Amino acid sequence: MITDEQIRHAWAAYYPKRRSETESALNLPATLRASCPTRAGFKHRRDRGESNNHLCFTIGIPKSEFEEVRNDLPEL
């Protein structure tokens, strides 16, 4: 399982470059897809917005950045 620290590190590395580097653009969504289903409480929350808030708080990434990426990935 990917750890919160690994997610924060990947986010910090890939998010700023996601529009200019193909590798970053591919790795950031892959990291999120791998982490979302494994987060405590993510599957069990009824409201998707509440789940996303919980996920961002738990991982320690800005919700606005998460939402920007999530809008490009409807399966998150």
Protein backbone atom coordinates (compact mmCIF):
# COMPACT_ATOMS: atom_id res chain seq x y z
CA MET A 1 0.00 0.00 0.00
CA ILE A 2 1.22 3.49 -0.81
CA THR A 3 1.84 5.61 2.28
CA ASP A 4 0.66 9.15 2.92
CA GLU A 5 4.29 10.32 2.86
CA GLN A 6 4.81 8.73 -0.57
CA ILE A 7 1.65 10.41 -1.85
CA ARG A 8 2.75 13.82 -0.52
CA HIS A 9 6.16 13.35 -2.13
CA ALA A 10 4.66 12.31 -5.47
CA TRP A 11 2.16 15.17 -5.35
CA ALA A 12 4.90 17.72 -4.66
CA ALA A 13 7.00 16.32 -7.50
CA TYR A 14 4.32 15.81 -10.15
CA TYR A 15 1.59 18.37 -9.56
CA PRO A 16 3.60 21.48 -10.52
CA LYS A 17 4.86 19.82 -13.72
CA ARG A 18 1.67 18.04 -14.76
CA ARG A 19 0.96 20.38 -17.68
CA SER A 20 4.52 20.57 -19.03
CA GLU A 21 5.83 17.03 -18.60
CA THR A 22 4.16 13.90 -19.89
CA GLU A 23 5.65 11.74 -17.13
CA SER A 24 4.19 14.01 -14.44
CA ALA A 25 0.84 14.13 -16.19
CA LEU A 26 0.69 10.33 -16.15
CA ASN A 27 2.17 9.67 -12.71
CA LEU A 28 -0.02 12.04 -10.71
CA PRO A 29 -3.32 10.41 -11.70
CA ALA A 30 -1.81 6.95 -11.29
CA THR A 31 -0.74 7.84 -7.76
CA LEU A 32 -4.21 9.10 -6.90
CA ARG A 33 -5.92 6.07 -8.39
CA ALA A 34 -3.68 3.78 -6.36
CA SER A 35 -4.26 5.67 -3.12
CA CYS A 36 -7.95 6.57 -3.16
CA PRO A 37 -9.50 3.14 -2.71
CA THR A 38 -7.13 2.23 0.11
CA ARG A 39 -7.69 5.26 2.33
CA ALA A 40 -9.56 4.63 5.56
CA GLY A 41 -13.17 5.65 5.26
CA PHE A 42 -13.01 6.54 1.57
CA LYS A 43 -15.22 3.69 0.41
CA HIS A 44 -17.65 4.02 3.29
CA ARG A 45 -18.58 7.69 3.09
CA ARG A 46 -21.88 8.39 1.37
CA ASP A 47 -21.06 11.84 0.07
CA ARG A 48 -18.27 11.96 -2.48
CA GLY A 49 -17.38 15.53 -1.45
CA GLU A 50 -16.99 14.41 2.16
CA SER A 51 -14.79 11.53 1.01
CA ASN A 52 -12.57 13.89 -0.98
CA ASN A 53 -12.28 16.27 1.98
CA HIS A 54 -11.30 13.37 4.22
CA LEU A 55 -8.79 12.08 1.67
CA CYS A 56 -7.12 15.48 1.23
CA PHE A 57 -6.96 16.05 4.97
CA THR A 58 -5.54 12.58 5.61
CA ILE A 59 -2.91 12.81 2.89
CA GLY A 60 -2.11 16.46 3.43
CA ILE A 61 -2.63 17.80 -0.08
CA PRO A 62 -4.55 20.97 -1.00
CA LYS A 63 -8.18 20.17 -1.80
CA SER A 64 -8.24 22.75 -4.61
CA GLU A 65 -5.35 20.97 -6.34
CA PHE A 66 -6.95 17.58 -5.80
CA GLU A 67 -10.24 18.82 -7.28
CA GLU A 68 -8.45 20.26 -10.30
CA VAL A 69 -6.85 16.90 -11.05
CA ARG A 70 -9.99 14.95 -10.12
CA ASN A 71 -12.05 16.94 -12.62
CA ASP A 72 -9.87 15.42 -15.33
CA LEU A 73 -10.38 11.94 -13.85
CA PRO A 74 -14.07 11.29 -13.22
CA GLU A 75 -13.38 7.83 -11.78
CA LEU A 76 -11.73 9.30 -8.68
